[in-house]
Amino acid sequence: MANDDDDLVVKDANGTRLNNGDSVTLIKDLKVKGSGGVTLKRGTLIKNIRLTYDEAEIECNADKVKGLVLRTEFVRKA
């Protein structure tokens, strides 16, 4: 399990490689399902992301939402 990060290449919307602990910025307003109507605005900075086993998704915590899973097509590296 130590080398799983080397095998999985996760890229943002611009094609830049993402790593655990990186910061990303949203490129689109996103409505968060199950959060009671919270919308994350474009330009929101998300710090300290965690990679998942799916190259199209990352886990993170936003100011308003904890335990959030975002699609990499909606973020770019900050």
C-alpha atoms as a PDB file:
ATOM      1  CA  MET A   1       0.000   0.000   0.000  1.00  0.00           C
ATOM      2  CA  ALA A   2       2.949   2.346   0.359  1.00  0.00           C
ATOM      3  CA  ASN A   3       3.320   2.807  -3.402  1.00  0.00           C
ATOM      4  CA  ASP A   4      -0.358   3.256  -4.308  1.00  0.00           C
ATOM      5  CA  ASP A   5       0.168   6.985  -4.883  1.00  0.00           C
ATOM      6  CA  ASP A   6       2.820   6.236  -7.510  1.00  0.00           C
ATOM      7  CA  ASP A   7       0.485   3.965  -9.480  1.00  0.00           C
ATOM      8  CA  LEU A   8      -2.497   6.325  -9.497  1.00  0.00           C
ATOM      9  CA  VAL A   9      -2.166   9.597 -11.423  1.00  0.00           C
ATOM     10  CA  VAL A  10      -4.821  12.157 -10.489  1.00  0.00           C
ATOM     11  CA  LYS A  11      -5.075  15.292 -12.625  1.00  0.00           C
ATOM     12  CA  ASP A  12      -7.094  18.482 -12.281  1.00  0.00           C
ATOM     13  CA  ALA A  13      -9.202  20.130 -14.994  1.00  0.00           C
ATOM     14  CA  ASN A  14      -6.068  21.645 -16.582  1.00  0.00           C
ATOM     15  CA  GLY A  15      -4.113  18.376 -16.579  1.00  0.00           C
ATOM     16  CA  THR A  16      -1.849  19.273 -13.645  1.00  0.00           C
ATOM     17  CA  ARG A  17      -0.995  16.360 -11.369  1.00  0.00           C
ATOM     18  CA  LEU A  18      -2.517  16.445  -7.873  1.00  0.00           C
ATOM     19  CA  ASN A  19      -0.952  14.978  -4.731  1.00  0.00           C
ATOM     20  CA  ASN A  20      -2.127  14.400  -1.164  1.00  0.00           C
ATOM     21  CA  GLY A  21      -2.061  17.670   0.794  1.00  0.00           C
ATOM     22  CA  ASP A  22      -2.354  19.964  -2.240  1.00  0.00           C
ATOM     23  CA  SER A  23      -4.679  22.953  -2.335  1.00  0.00           C
ATOM     24  CA  VAL A  24      -7.209  23.324  -5.138  1.00  0.00           C
ATOM     25  CA  THR A  25      -9.602  26.020  -6.340  1.00  0.00           C
ATOM     26  CA  LEU A  26     -13.121  25.398  -7.650  1.00  0.00           C
ATOM     27  CA  ILE A  27     -13.661  26.395 -11.286  1.00  0.00           C
ATOM     28  CA  LYS A  28     -17.473  26.213 -11.136  1.00  0.00           C
ATOM     29  CA  ASP A  29     -20.256  26.880  -8.611  1.00  0.00           C
ATOM     30  CA  LEU A  30     -21.277  23.524  -7.126  1.00  0.00           C
ATOM     31  CA  LYS A  31     -24.468  22.672  -5.253  1.00  0.00           C
ATOM     32  CA  VAL A  32     -23.656  20.154  -2.507  1.00  0.00           C
ATOM     33  CA  LYS A  33     -26.202  17.359  -2.260  1.00  0.00           C
ATOM     34  CA  GLY A  34     -27.419  16.464   1.212  1.00  0.00           C
ATOM     35  CA  SER A  35     -26.111  19.654   2.796  1.00  0.00           C
ATOM     36  CA  GLY A  36     -29.342  21.605   3.066  1.00  0.00           C
ATOM     37  CA  GLY A  37     -28.806  23.858   0.061  1.00  0.00           C
ATOM     38  CA  VAL A  38     -25.137  24.804   0.467  1.00  0.00           C
ATOM     39  CA  THR A  39     -23.479  26.041  -2.726  1.00  0.00           C
ATOM     40  CA  LEU A  40     -19.693  26.241  -3.013  1.00  0.00           C
ATOM     41  CA  LYS A  41     -18.782  29.243  -5.163  1.00  0.00           C
ATOM     42  CA  ARG A  42     -16.274  29.369  -7.995  1.00  0.00           C
ATOM     43  CA  GLY A  43     -12.861  30.403  -6.686  1.00  0.00           C
ATOM     44  CA  THR A  44     -13.298  28.727  -3.285  1.00  0.00           C
ATOM     45  CA  LEU A  45      -9.951  27.476  -1.991  1.00  0.00           C
ATOM     46  CA  ILE A  46      -9.939  23.901  -0.687  1.00  0.00           C
ATOM     47  CA  LYS A  47      -6.829  23.003   1.326  1.00  0.00           C
ATOM     48  CA  ASN A  48      -5.255  19.652   2.183  1.00  0.00           C
ATOM     49  CA  ILE A  49      -6.980  17.330  -0.295  1.00  0.00           C
ATOM     50  CA  ARG A  50      -6.781  13.545  -0.053  1.00  0.00           C
ATOM     51  CA  LEU A  51      -6.590  11.280  -3.086  1.00  0.00           C
ATOM     52  CA  THR A  52      -9.006   8.352  -3.398  1.00  0.00           C
ATOM     53  CA  TYR A  53      -8.675   5.103  -5.298  1.00  0.00           C
ATOM     54  CA  ASP A  54     -10.696   6.702  -8.111  1.00  0.00           C
ATOM     55  CA  GLU A  55      -8.631   9.030 -10.301  1.00  0.00           C
ATOM     56  CA  ALA A  56     -11.704  11.207 -10.998  1.00  0.00           C
ATOM     57  CA  GLU A  57     -12.454  12.005  -7.317  1.00  0.00           C
ATOM     58  CA  ILE A  58     -10.734  13.654  -4.351  1.00  0.00           C
ATOM     59  CA  GLU A  59     -11.766  13.942  -0.706  1.00  0.00           C
ATOM     60  CA  CYS A  60     -11.582  17.221   1.182  1.00  0.00           C
ATOM     61  CA  ASN A  61     -13.127  19.469   3.817  1.00  0.00           C
ATOM     62  CA  ALA A  62     -14.602  22.827   2.825  1.00  0.00           C
ATOM     63  CA  ASP A  63     -15.501  25.602   5.265  1.00  0.00           C
ATOM     64  CA  LYS A  64     -19.194  24.713   5.215  1.00  0.00           C
ATOM     65  CA  VAL A  65     -19.043  20.975   4.397  1.00  0.00           C
ATOM     66  CA  LYS A  66     -16.916  18.262   6.002  1.00  0.00           C
ATOM     67  CA  GLY A  67     -16.164  14.926   4.323  1.00  0.00           C
ATOM     68  CA  LEU A  68     -16.739  16.259   0.816  1.00  0.00           C
ATOM     69  CA  VAL A  69     -15.929  14.258  -2.329  1.00  0.00           C
ATOM     70  CA  LEU A  70     -15.246  16.388  -5.413  1.00  0.00           C
ATOM     71  CA  ARG A  71     -14.819  15.420  -9.057  1.00  0.00           C
ATOM     72  CA  THR A  72     -11.408  16.482 -10.377  1.00  0.00           C
ATOM     73  CA  GLU A  73     -13.002  18.008 -13.476  1.00  0.00           C
ATOM     74  CA  PHE A  74     -14.277  20.906 -11.292  1.00  0.00           C
ATOM     75  CA  VAL A  75     -10.980  21.851  -9.600  1.00  0.00           C
ATOM     76  CA  ARG A  76      -7.590  23.243 -10.519  1.00  0.00           C
ATOM     77  CA  LYS A  77      -4.397  23.234  -8.499  1.00  0.00           C
ATOM     78  CA  ALA A  78      -3.902  26.419  -6.503  1.00  0.00           C
END
